[in-house]
Amino acid sequence: MQITILPECPNPYAAPLSMNLSGSGSFTDTIDFSIFIGLFADDMENGDAAWTHYPGVTGYGDQWHIETFRNHTTDGSTSWKCGHPGGSDHDNGLCSVLESTQFLLPPNATLSF
């Protein structure tokens, strides 16, 4: 069996599948499962395309940005920072939200940062 994923398939997507099994005698069984298509990974080195940032409360500020200050990625140079560029503090009255793009986790998955 071969499964082909077309380029226009949404990312992420959970493709529901059903497998019918049969064997000697009168053995039959059906197994329903999903294949999870798409992967979310971001090393922060290619801009902010997979992320959205905005004030979480109307009237408050948003200072999320990508920069080199305190980057801890092996072989990387940038990370997300909330506040002024460099080592400067942040403004008072911030309620900054940083959200990743939506992604699916299969059952019993582990999410790590």
Foldseek 3Di string as FASTA:
>chain_A
DDDDDDPPDDPWDWAKDKDWDADPDGDIDIDIGTDTDHDDDDPLQPAQPFKDKDFPDPPADWAWDKAQAPDDDVVGRIDIDTADPHPDGHDPRGRMDMDGHDHDDDPPGDDDD
